[in-house]
Every structure is written in structure tokens, then in C-alpha cells.
Amino acid sequence: MLAALGAGSAHGEALRLAGNVWPPYTDQRLPGGGLSVELIRTALGRAGYQVDFIEVPWERALLGLQQGSYDMANAWPTSRRLGYAVYSRPFLSNRVRWIQRRDDDVVSRGLDSLVNYRLGLVRGYAYGEALAGDPRLNKGYAANFVQAAKMLSAGRIDLTLEDERTALFHMRRELKPLQDAYRFVPGEFRVLDLALIVRADHPHQGEIIAAFNRQIEAMLADGSYADVFHRHGLPAPTSLPR
């Protein structure tokens, strides 16, 4: 305990973790602030760091990283952030899947197979350049997944796209009256690895990344990684993405 207190004192002020409302990963209404927040807090807490979670719109979180208002976020790797953020090793994977109406029978074999469908996407979501830049696709935009899912059940779109855990989270809550109206298209659109990102100009960014990587590995080995998943009612992966 004395070692942890000494480490925390040496590290100075609490690290500011910024994120948008993205259940079950980052959401102040959830235990521990969400699955990702609890994993990050636990791992860095074991290394003597204090982590404060600040919930803001995603674009503001990224801007805050660039301007130094925030220290960290969790995000999918992208070359656009390499100039102002440093990535940890991935600490979980996101399976991003198409969702259709229950009675439809969509088969997805890449973007070519989706040209004739009306796609409902969430504004500002990082789906990837291939989807965002394909002019053949009939894309409409919603403010969030719940809105897109309601458009789907009403027949205004044919498909929407979301991380599997996030989709199931909303189907069991806000969309519960409609949950039987949906089913996932077989397979996945993408599997994306989620990492901790630390602003590149943070004076201790190398130490933070190294400590996080080390402690996540230790949590997987001692079972505390799985415990966090189980507290959020989710099955735990048995290994980390590489």
C-alpha cells in the first residue's frame, strides 16, 4: 500500500480520461463508469495512478487530447491520431455487426453486396474509410444507435451497424419493446481492437502506457480482468487481442 501511495504521489495530478456515452464501455450511469473505464481505472490504479473520467461528446474528447485538456481516451487505432496520441496494446476487441429486421435475410459479402440496401449509420462514428467513402452506398445518418434502430424497425432503412455489445445493451433497455424486431446479419463487418490512448505531449506518457500494458496482462493472469467483465454482466475474453 505504501508503494502504491508513493507511486500516486510521484505521478502528481489525477489522469483525466475523456469519453462519450458509449455503453457498456463508457457511461457515467454504469457501475465504475462502464466496462472500459473500470478496466483502465483498475489497471492504472494498480500502478499507483488515479483516473478521473470526464464524459463529453467524442469530438470534444479528441479536441481536448490535442489541446491538453484531457490526458487519455479509449479508441480504435487510426493513423489520423498518430500525431497527438500514443496507443497502448489493445485491451479488448469490438465486433462491429450489421443489424437487420427479424424477417429479412440479408447476406453481407463486403460493401459490394450492400449497394441495394438503405444503410442507417450514426453521425461521427468511426466505421472506416472504405464505408465512409463509398459513393455507391445509400447512406443515411442518425444521432445515435437507438434512433437508427427505431428507423430500422419502422422500415425507413434496411440495415444499421453497431458494436455487438453496445447493440445488445440497448436492445435490453431502451429498445426492449422492439428487441424481437431485430437480428444480426451473420458474421461481422469489422473486428476492431480497443486501446488506451494517451496524449503524446504528456510528460509521463511512456510510463503510463507501459504501466497499463503490464497491469492489463497481470489482470488477465490473476482473474481480475474477467471479474470486471462479469460485474458488467458480460462474458470475459480468455486472451487479449494482439
C-alpha atoms as a PDB file:
ATOM      1  CA  MET A   1       0.000   0.000   0.000  1.00  0.00           C
ATOM      2  CA  LEU A   2       2.872   2.379   0.834  1.00  0.00           C
ATOM      3  CA  ALA A   3       4.406   1.660  -2.566  1.00  0.00           C
ATOM      4  CA  ALA A   4       1.134   2.485  -4.309  1.00  0.00           C
ATOM      5  CA  LEU A   5       0.776   5.721  -2.325  1.00  0.00           C
ATOM      6  CA  GLY A   6       4.318   6.672  -3.212  1.00  0.00           C
ATOM      7  CA  ALA A   7       3.689   5.996  -6.883  1.00  0.00           C
ATOM      8  CA  GLY A   8       0.495   8.028  -6.874  1.00  0.00           C
ATOM      9  CA  SER A   9       2.268  10.943  -5.197  1.00  0.00           C
ATOM     10  CA  ALA A  10       5.098  10.815  -7.708  1.00  0.00           C
ATOM     11  CA  HIS A  11       2.683  10.854 -10.620  1.00  0.00           C
ATOM     12  CA  GLY A  12       1.054  14.073  -9.394  1.00  0.00           C
ATOM     13  CA  GLU A  13      -2.440  15.059 -10.504  1.00  0.00           C
ATOM     14  CA  ALA A  14      -5.083  12.547 -11.493  1.00  0.00           C
ATOM     15  CA  LEU A  15      -5.135  11.453 -15.122  1.00  0.00           C
ATOM     16  CA  ARG A  16      -8.156  12.799 -16.999  1.00  0.00           C
ATOM     17  CA  LEU A  17      -9.847  10.090 -19.067  1.00  0.00           C
ATOM     18  CA  ALA A  18     -12.337  11.543 -21.567  1.00  0.00           C
ATOM     19  CA  GLY A  19     -15.054   9.648 -23.397  1.00  0.00           C
ATOM     20  CA  ASN A  20     -18.526   9.942 -24.835  1.00  0.00           C
ATOM     21  CA  VAL A  21     -21.635   7.994 -23.800  1.00  0.00           C
ATOM     22  CA  TRP A  22     -20.888   4.568 -25.320  1.00  0.00           C
ATOM     23  CA  PRO A  23     -22.359   1.808 -23.185  1.00  0.00           C
ATOM     24  CA  PRO A  24     -21.332  -0.650 -21.966  1.00  0.00           C
ATOM     25  CA  TYR A  25     -17.821   0.819 -22.327  1.00  0.00           C
ATOM     26  CA  THR A  26     -18.009   4.456 -21.198  1.00  0.00           C
ATOM     27  CA  ASP A  27     -21.095   5.768 -19.444  1.00  0.00           C
ATOM     28  CA  GLN A  28     -21.262   7.552 -16.081  1.00  0.00           C
ATOM     29  CA  ARG A  29     -24.611   5.896 -15.335  1.00  0.00           C
ATOM     30  CA  LEU A  30     -22.987   2.453 -15.255  1.00  0.00           C
ATOM     31  CA  PRO A  31     -21.044   0.858 -12.397  1.00  0.00           C
ATOM     32  CA  GLY A  32     -17.461   2.077 -12.461  1.00  0.00           C
ATOM     33  CA  GLY A  33     -18.255   4.400 -15.363  1.00  0.00           C
ATOM     34  CA  GLY A  34     -18.543   1.478 -17.783  1.00  0.00           C
ATOM     35  CA  LEU A  35     -16.517  -1.566 -18.769  1.00  0.00           C
ATOM     36  CA  SER A  36     -13.599   0.301 -20.402  1.00  0.00           C
ATOM     37  CA  VAL A  37     -13.418   2.919 -17.677  1.00  0.00           C
ATOM     38  CA  GLU A  38     -13.302   0.267 -14.963  1.00  0.00           C
ATOM     39  CA  LEU A  39     -10.624  -1.734 -16.790  1.00  0.00           C
ATOM     40  CA  ILE A  40      -8.497   1.386 -17.290  1.00  0.00           C
ATOM     41  CA  ARG A  41      -9.003   2.642 -13.732  1.00  0.00           C
ATOM     42  CA  THR A  42      -8.211  -0.764 -12.260  1.00  0.00           C
ATOM     43  CA  ALA A  43      -5.086  -1.332 -14.348  1.00  0.00           C
ATOM     44  CA  LEU A  44      -3.645   2.135 -13.782  1.00  0.00           C
ATOM     45  CA  GLY A  45      -4.781   2.136 -10.155  1.00  0.00           C
ATOM     46  CA  ARG A  46      -2.663  -0.950  -9.556  1.00  0.00           C
ATOM     47  CA  ALA A  47       0.285   1.060 -10.880  1.00  0.00           C
ATOM     48  CA  GLY A  48      -0.413   3.939  -8.495  1.00  0.00           C
ATOM     49  CA  TYR A  49      -2.330   6.293 -10.789  1.00  0.00           C
ATOM     50  CA  GLN A  50      -5.657   7.967 -10.067  1.00  0.00           C
ATOM     51  CA  VAL A  51      -8.017   8.224 -13.042  1.00  0.00           C
ATOM     52  CA  ASP A  52     -10.914  10.688 -13.301  1.00  0.00           C
ATOM     53  CA  PHE A  53     -13.489  10.005 -16.023  1.00  0.00           C
ATOM     54  CA  ILE A  54     -14.967  13.032 -17.823  1.00  0.00           C
ATOM     55  CA  GLU A  55     -17.968  12.373 -20.070  1.00  0.00           C
ATOM     56  CA  VAL A  56     -18.064  14.653 -23.121  1.00  0.00           C
ATOM     57  CA  PRO A  57     -19.058  14.339 -26.798  1.00  0.00           C
ATOM     58  CA  TRP A  58     -16.468  12.345 -28.728  1.00  0.00           C
ATOM     59  CA  GLU A  59     -15.233  15.222 -30.898  1.00  0.00           C
ATOM     60  CA  ARG A  60     -14.679  17.300 -27.758  1.00  0.00           C
ATOM     61  CA  ALA A  61     -12.722  14.426 -26.196  1.00  0.00           C
ATOM     62  CA  LEU A  62     -10.376  14.297 -29.193  1.00  0.00           C
ATOM     63  CA  LEU A  63     -10.011  18.073 -29.280  1.00  0.00           C
ATOM     64  CA  GLY A  64      -9.240  18.047 -25.555  1.00  0.00           C
ATOM     65  CA  LEU A  65      -6.483  15.496 -26.116  1.00  0.00           C
ATOM     66  CA  GLN A  66      -4.927  17.731 -28.764  1.00  0.00           C
ATOM     67  CA  GLN A  67      -5.176  20.831 -26.575  1.00  0.00           C
ATOM     68  CA  GLY A  68      -4.078  19.168 -23.323  1.00  0.00           C
ATOM     69  CA  SER A  69      -7.441  19.494 -21.552  1.00  0.00           C
ATOM     70  CA  TYR A  70      -7.620  15.688 -21.221  1.00  0.00           C
ATOM     71  CA  ASP A  71      -4.889  13.086 -20.902  1.00  0.00           C
ATOM     72  CA  MET A  72      -6.422   9.855 -22.166  1.00  0.00           C
ATOM     73  CA  ALA A  73      -9.278   8.213 -24.041  1.00  0.00           C
ATOM     74  CA  ASN A  74     -10.034   4.736 -25.313  1.00  0.00           C
ATOM     75  CA  ALA A  75     -10.241   4.405 -29.069  1.00  0.00           C
ATOM     76  CA  TRP A  76      -9.673   2.257 -32.110  1.00  0.00           C
ATOM     77  CA  PRO A  77      -6.257   2.736 -33.723  1.00  0.00           C
ATOM     78  CA  THR A  78      -6.228   5.122 -36.665  1.00  0.00           C
ATOM     79  CA  SER A  79      -3.378   6.889 -38.434  1.00  0.00           C
ATOM     80  CA  ARG A  80      -5.168  10.229 -38.048  1.00  0.00           C
ATOM     81  CA  ARG A  81      -4.360  10.273 -34.306  1.00  0.00           C
ATOM     82  CA  LEU A  82      -0.699   9.263 -34.514  1.00  0.00           C
ATOM     83  CA  GLY A  83       0.455  12.866 -34.374  1.00  0.00           C
ATOM     84  CA  TYR A  84      -1.069  13.701 -30.998  1.00  0.00           C
ATOM     85  CA  ALA A  85      -1.720  10.366 -29.246  1.00  0.00           C
ATOM     86  CA  VAL A  86       0.201   7.234 -28.300  1.00  0.00           C
ATOM     87  CA  TYR A  87      -1.555   3.855 -28.219  1.00  0.00           C
ATOM     88  CA  SER A  88      -1.334   1.075 -25.689  1.00  0.00           C
ATOM     89  CA  ARG A  89      -1.623  -2.512 -26.745  1.00  0.00           C
ATOM     90  CA  PRO A  90      -5.311  -3.385 -27.321  1.00  0.00           C
ATOM     91  CA  PHE A  91      -7.178  -4.401 -24.173  1.00  0.00           C
ATOM     92  CA  LEU A  92     -10.368  -5.741 -25.778  1.00  0.00           C
ATOM     93  CA  SER A  93     -11.931  -6.268 -29.216  1.00  0.00           C
ATOM     94  CA  ASN A  94     -15.129  -4.820 -30.655  1.00  0.00           C
ATOM     95  CA  ARG A  95     -17.143  -6.926 -33.065  1.00  0.00           C
ATOM     96  CA  VAL A  96     -18.983  -4.427 -35.296  1.00  0.00           C
ATOM     97  CA  ARG A  97     -22.014  -6.062 -36.937  1.00  0.00           C
ATOM     98  CA  TRP A  98     -24.853  -5.213 -39.293  1.00  0.00           C
ATOM     99  CA  ILE A  99     -28.354  -5.447 -37.814  1.00  0.00           C
ATOM    100  CA  GLN A 100     -31.449  -6.203 -39.888  1.00  0.00           C
ATOM    101  CA  ARG A 101     -35.157  -6.687 -39.288  1.00  0.00           C
ATOM    102  CA  ARG A 102     -36.112 -10.104 -37.926  1.00  0.00           C
ATOM    103  CA  ASP A 103     -37.872 -11.252 -41.118  1.00  0.00           C
ATOM    104  CA  ASP A 104     -35.201 -10.062 -43.542  1.00  0.00           C
ATOM    105  CA  ASP A 105     -32.466 -12.306 -44.851  1.00  0.00           C
ATOM    106  CA  VAL A 106     -29.526 -10.081 -45.717  1.00  0.00           C
ATOM    107  CA  VAL A 107     -26.233 -11.742 -46.607  1.00  0.00           C
ATOM    108  CA  SER A 108     -23.218  -9.460 -46.326  1.00  0.00           C
ATOM    109  CA  ARG A 109     -20.223 -10.274 -48.504  1.00  0.00           C
ATOM    110  CA  GLY A 110     -18.469  -6.931 -48.285  1.00  0.00           C
ATOM    111  CA  LEU A 111     -19.619  -3.489 -49.389  1.00  0.00           C
ATOM    112  CA  ASP A 112     -20.408  -4.659 -52.935  1.00  0.00           C
ATOM    113  CA  SER A 113     -23.263  -6.755 -51.554  1.00  0.00           C
ATOM    114  CA  LEU A 114     -24.848  -3.774 -49.757  1.00  0.00           C
ATOM    115  CA  VAL A 115     -25.304  -1.413 -52.698  1.00  0.00           C
ATOM    116  CA  ASN A 116     -29.060  -2.029 -52.957  1.00  0.00           C
ATOM    117  CA  TYR A 117     -29.808  -1.508 -49.253  1.00  0.00           C
ATOM    118  CA  ARG A 118     -30.616   1.647 -47.302  1.00  0.00           C
ATOM    119  CA  LEU A 119     -27.976   1.939 -44.586  1.00  0.00           C
ATOM    120  CA  GLY A 120     -28.568   3.799 -41.337  1.00  0.00           C
ATOM    121  CA  LEU A 121     -25.317   4.989 -39.760  1.00  0.00           C
ATOM    122  CA  VAL A 122     -24.532   7.071 -36.691  1.00  0.00           C
ATOM    123  CA  ARG A 123     -23.144  10.518 -37.377  1.00  0.00           C
ATOM    124  CA  GLY A 124     -19.469  10.823 -36.401  1.00  0.00           C
ATOM    125  CA  TYR A 125     -18.919   7.078 -35.854  1.00  0.00           C
ATOM    126  CA  ALA A 126     -15.527   5.732 -36.995  1.00  0.00           C
ATOM    127  CA  TYR A 127     -16.741   2.987 -39.329  1.00  0.00           C
ATOM    128  CA  GLY A 128     -13.648   3.147 -41.519  1.00  0.00           C
ATOM    129  CA  GLU A 129     -12.699   4.957 -44.693  1.00  0.00           C
ATOM    130  CA  ALA A 130     -13.976   2.239 -47.050  1.00  0.00           C
ATOM    131  CA  LEU A 131     -17.568   2.560 -45.845  1.00  0.00           C
ATOM    132  CA  ALA A 132     -17.491   6.326 -45.336  1.00  0.00           C
ATOM    133  CA  GLY A 133     -16.012   7.000 -48.760  1.00  0.00           C
ATOM    134  CA  ASP A 134     -18.002   4.573 -50.939  1.00  0.00           C
ATOM    135  CA  PRO A 135     -20.300   6.719 -53.144  1.00  0.00           C
ATOM    136  CA  ARG A 136     -22.317   3.694 -54.329  1.00  0.00           C
ATOM    137  CA  LEU A 137     -23.893   3.135 -50.936  1.00  0.00           C
ATOM    138  CA  ASN A 138     -27.234   4.617 -49.910  1.00  0.00           C
ATOM    139  CA  LYS A 139     -26.304   6.055 -46.510  1.00  0.00           C
ATOM    140  CA  GLY A 140     -28.492   7.973 -44.105  1.00  0.00           C
ATOM    141  CA  TYR A 141     -27.456   9.231 -40.678  1.00  0.00           C
ATOM    142  CA  ALA A 142     -28.944   9.180 -37.190  1.00  0.00           C
ATOM    143  CA  ALA A 143     -27.850  10.892 -33.979  1.00  0.00           C
ATOM    144  CA  ASN A 144     -27.238   7.576 -32.202  1.00  0.00           C
ATOM    145  CA  PHE A 145     -27.793   3.838 -32.454  1.00  0.00           C
ATOM    146  CA  VAL A 146     -31.170   3.877 -30.669  1.00  0.00           C
ATOM    147  CA  GLN A 147     -32.520   6.334 -33.232  1.00  0.00           C
ATOM    148  CA  ALA A 148     -31.097   4.257 -36.097  1.00  0.00           C
ATOM    149  CA  ALA A 149     -32.627   1.061 -34.656  1.00  0.00           C
ATOM    150  CA  LYS A 150     -36.055   2.714 -34.469  1.00  0.00           C
ATOM    151  CA  MET A 151     -35.683   3.789 -38.100  1.00  0.00           C
ATOM    152  CA  LEU A 152     -34.889   0.152 -38.919  1.00  0.00           C
ATOM    153  CA  SER A 153     -37.945  -1.256 -37.156  1.00  0.00           C
ATOM    154  CA  ALA A 154     -40.126   1.380 -38.878  1.00  0.00           C
ATOM    155  CA  GLY A 155     -38.864   0.270 -42.299  1.00  0.00           C
ATOM    156  CA  ARG A 156     -37.124   3.555 -43.106  1.00  0.00           C
ATOM    157  CA  ILE A 157     -33.755   1.810 -43.512  1.00  0.00           C
ATOM    158  CA  ASP A 158     -32.729  -1.786 -44.197  1.00  0.00           C
ATOM    159  CA  LEU A 159     -29.574  -2.108 -42.103  1.00  0.00           C
ATOM    160  CA  THR A 160     -27.762  -0.380 -39.287  1.00  0.00           C
ATOM    161  CA  LEU A 161     -24.326  -1.003 -37.831  1.00  0.00           C
ATOM    162  CA  GLU A 162     -23.049  -1.171 -34.271  1.00  0.00           C
ATOM    163  CA  ASP A 163     -20.648  -2.863 -31.899  1.00  0.00           C
ATOM    164  CA  GLU A 164     -22.306  -6.109 -30.819  1.00  0.00           C
ATOM    165  CA  ARG A 165     -22.096  -5.453 -27.060  1.00  0.00           C
ATOM    166  CA  THR A 166     -23.474  -1.934 -27.486  1.00  0.00           C
ATOM    167  CA  ALA A 167     -26.359  -3.113 -29.663  1.00  0.00           C
ATOM    168  CA  LEU A 168     -27.311  -5.810 -27.157  1.00  0.00           C
ATOM    169  CA  PHE A 169     -27.051  -3.314 -24.290  1.00  0.00           C
ATOM    170  CA  HIS A 170     -29.637  -1.016 -25.898  1.00  0.00           C
ATOM    171  CA  MET A 171     -31.865  -3.900 -27.026  1.00  0.00           C
ATOM    172  CA  ARG A 172     -32.168  -4.972 -23.400  1.00  0.00           C
ATOM    173  CA  ARG A 173     -33.009  -1.449 -22.225  1.00  0.00           C
ATOM    174  CA  GLU A 174     -34.355   1.420 -24.370  1.00  0.00           C
ATOM    175  CA  LEU A 175     -35.197  -0.908 -27.266  1.00  0.00           C
ATOM    176  CA  LYS A 176     -36.600  -3.744 -25.169  1.00  0.00           C
ATOM    177  CA  PRO A 177     -40.166  -3.393 -26.557  1.00  0.00           C
ATOM    178  CA  LEU A 178     -38.675  -3.747 -30.054  1.00  0.00           C
ATOM    179  CA  GLN A 179     -35.893  -6.255 -29.407  1.00  0.00           C
ATOM    180  CA  ASP A 180     -37.717  -9.110 -31.144  1.00  0.00           C
ATOM    181  CA  ALA A 181     -37.864  -6.984 -34.309  1.00  0.00           C
ATOM    182  CA  TYR A 182     -34.098  -7.292 -34.888  1.00  0.00           C
ATOM    183  CA  ARG A 183     -31.431  -9.832 -35.626  1.00  0.00           C
ATOM    184  CA  PHE A 184     -27.775  -9.646 -36.548  1.00  0.00           C
ATOM    185  CA  VAL A 185     -26.622 -10.312 -40.079  1.00  0.00           C
ATOM    186  CA  PRO A 186     -24.354 -13.405 -39.897  1.00  0.00           C
ATOM    187  CA  GLY A 187     -20.677 -12.596 -39.494  1.00  0.00           C
ATOM    188  CA  GLU A 188     -19.241  -9.196 -38.777  1.00  0.00           C
ATOM    189  CA  PHE A 189     -18.453  -6.026 -40.684  1.00  0.00           C
ATOM    190  CA  ARG A 190     -15.193  -5.459 -38.812  1.00  0.00           C
ATOM    191  CA  VAL A 191     -13.389  -6.558 -35.673  1.00  0.00           C
ATOM    192  CA  LEU A 192     -11.630  -3.559 -34.127  1.00  0.00           C
ATOM    193  CA  ASP A 193      -9.184  -3.586 -31.239  1.00  0.00           C
ATOM    194  CA  LEU A 194      -9.769  -1.021 -28.493  1.00  0.00           C
ATOM    195  CA  ALA A 195      -6.715   0.624 -26.950  1.00  0.00           C
ATOM    196  CA  LEU A 196      -5.932   3.258 -24.352  1.00  0.00           C
ATOM    197  CA  ILE A 197      -4.602   6.403 -25.994  1.00  0.00           C
ATOM    198  CA  VAL A 198      -2.518   8.968 -24.122  1.00  0.00           C
ATOM    199  CA  ARG A 199      -1.763  12.431 -25.475  1.00  0.00           C
ATOM    200  CA  ALA A 200       1.702  12.369 -26.968  1.00  0.00           C
ATOM    201  CA  ASP A 201       2.897  15.503 -25.129  1.00  0.00           C
ATOM    202  CA  HIS A 202       2.034  14.181 -21.664  1.00  0.00           C
ATOM    203  CA  PRO A 203       5.304  14.201 -19.705  1.00  0.00           C
ATOM    204  CA  HIS A 204       4.731  10.643 -18.460  1.00  0.00           C
ATOM    205  CA  GLN A 205       3.013   9.107 -21.499  1.00  0.00           C
ATOM    206  CA  GLY A 206       5.637   6.365 -21.900  1.00  0.00           C
ATOM    207  CA  GLU A 207       5.356   5.344 -18.252  1.00  0.00           C
ATOM    208  CA  ILE A 208       1.544   5.384 -18.379  1.00  0.00           C
ATOM    209  CA  ILE A 209       1.395   3.193 -21.493  1.00  0.00           C
ATOM    210  CA  ALA A 210       3.973   0.735 -20.126  1.00  0.00           C
ATOM    211  CA  ALA A 211       2.180   0.501 -16.771  1.00  0.00           C
ATOM    212  CA  PHE A 212      -1.194  -0.022 -18.421  1.00  0.00           C
ATOM    213  CA  ASN A 213       0.095  -2.768 -20.738  1.00  0.00           C
ATOM    214  CA  ARG A 214       1.808  -4.528 -17.855  1.00  0.00           C
ATOM    215  CA  GLN A 215      -1.162  -4.356 -15.490  1.00  0.00           C
ATOM    216  CA  ILE A 216      -3.751  -5.478 -18.068  1.00  0.00           C
ATOM    217  CA  GLU A 217      -1.608  -8.574 -18.700  1.00  0.00           C
ATOM    218  CA  ALA A 218      -1.416  -9.164 -14.945  1.00  0.00           C
ATOM    219  CA  MET A 219      -5.184  -8.728 -14.564  1.00  0.00           C
ATOM    220  CA  LEU A 220      -5.793 -11.325 -17.254  1.00  0.00           C
ATOM    221  CA  ALA A 221      -3.481 -13.746 -15.457  1.00  0.00           C
ATOM    222  CA  ASP A 222      -4.950 -13.266 -11.962  1.00  0.00           C
ATOM    223  CA  GLY A 223      -8.616 -13.253 -12.993  1.00  0.00           C
ATOM    224  CA  SER A 224      -9.396  -9.621 -12.156  1.00  0.00           C
ATOM    225  CA  TYR A 225      -9.789  -8.801 -15.873  1.00  0.00           C
ATOM    226  CA  ALA A 226     -12.580 -11.389 -16.105  1.00  0.00           C
ATOM    227  CA  ASP A 227     -14.081 -10.103 -12.849  1.00  0.00           C
ATOM    228  CA  VAL A 228     -14.633  -6.651 -14.395  1.00  0.00           C
ATOM    229  CA  PHE A 229     -16.480  -8.174 -17.362  1.00  0.00           C
ATOM    230  CA  HIS A 230     -18.630 -10.287 -15.061  1.00  0.00           C
ATOM    231  CA  ARG A 231     -19.552  -7.249 -12.923  1.00  0.00           C
ATOM    232  CA  HIS A 232     -20.965  -5.739 -16.099  1.00  0.00           C
ATOM    233  CA  GLY A 233     -22.885  -8.919 -16.934  1.00  0.00           C
ATOM    234  CA  LEU A 234     -20.635  -9.785 -19.873  1.00  0.00           C
ATOM    235  CA  PRO A 235     -18.665 -12.908 -20.776  1.00  0.00           C
ATOM    236  CA  ALA A 236     -14.933 -12.322 -20.469  1.00  0.00           C
ATOM    237  CA  PRO A 237     -12.431 -12.950 -23.248  1.00  0.00           C
ATOM    238  CA  THR A 238      -9.818 -15.553 -22.375  1.00  0.00           C
ATOM    239  CA  SER A 239      -6.998 -13.666 -24.083  1.00  0.00           C
ATOM    240  CA  LEU A 240      -6.061 -10.170 -25.185  1.00  0.00           C
ATOM    241  CA  PRO A 241      -6.066  -9.120 -28.847  1.00  0.00           C
ATOM    242  CA  ARG A 242      -2.633  -8.995 -30.473  1.00  0.00           C
END
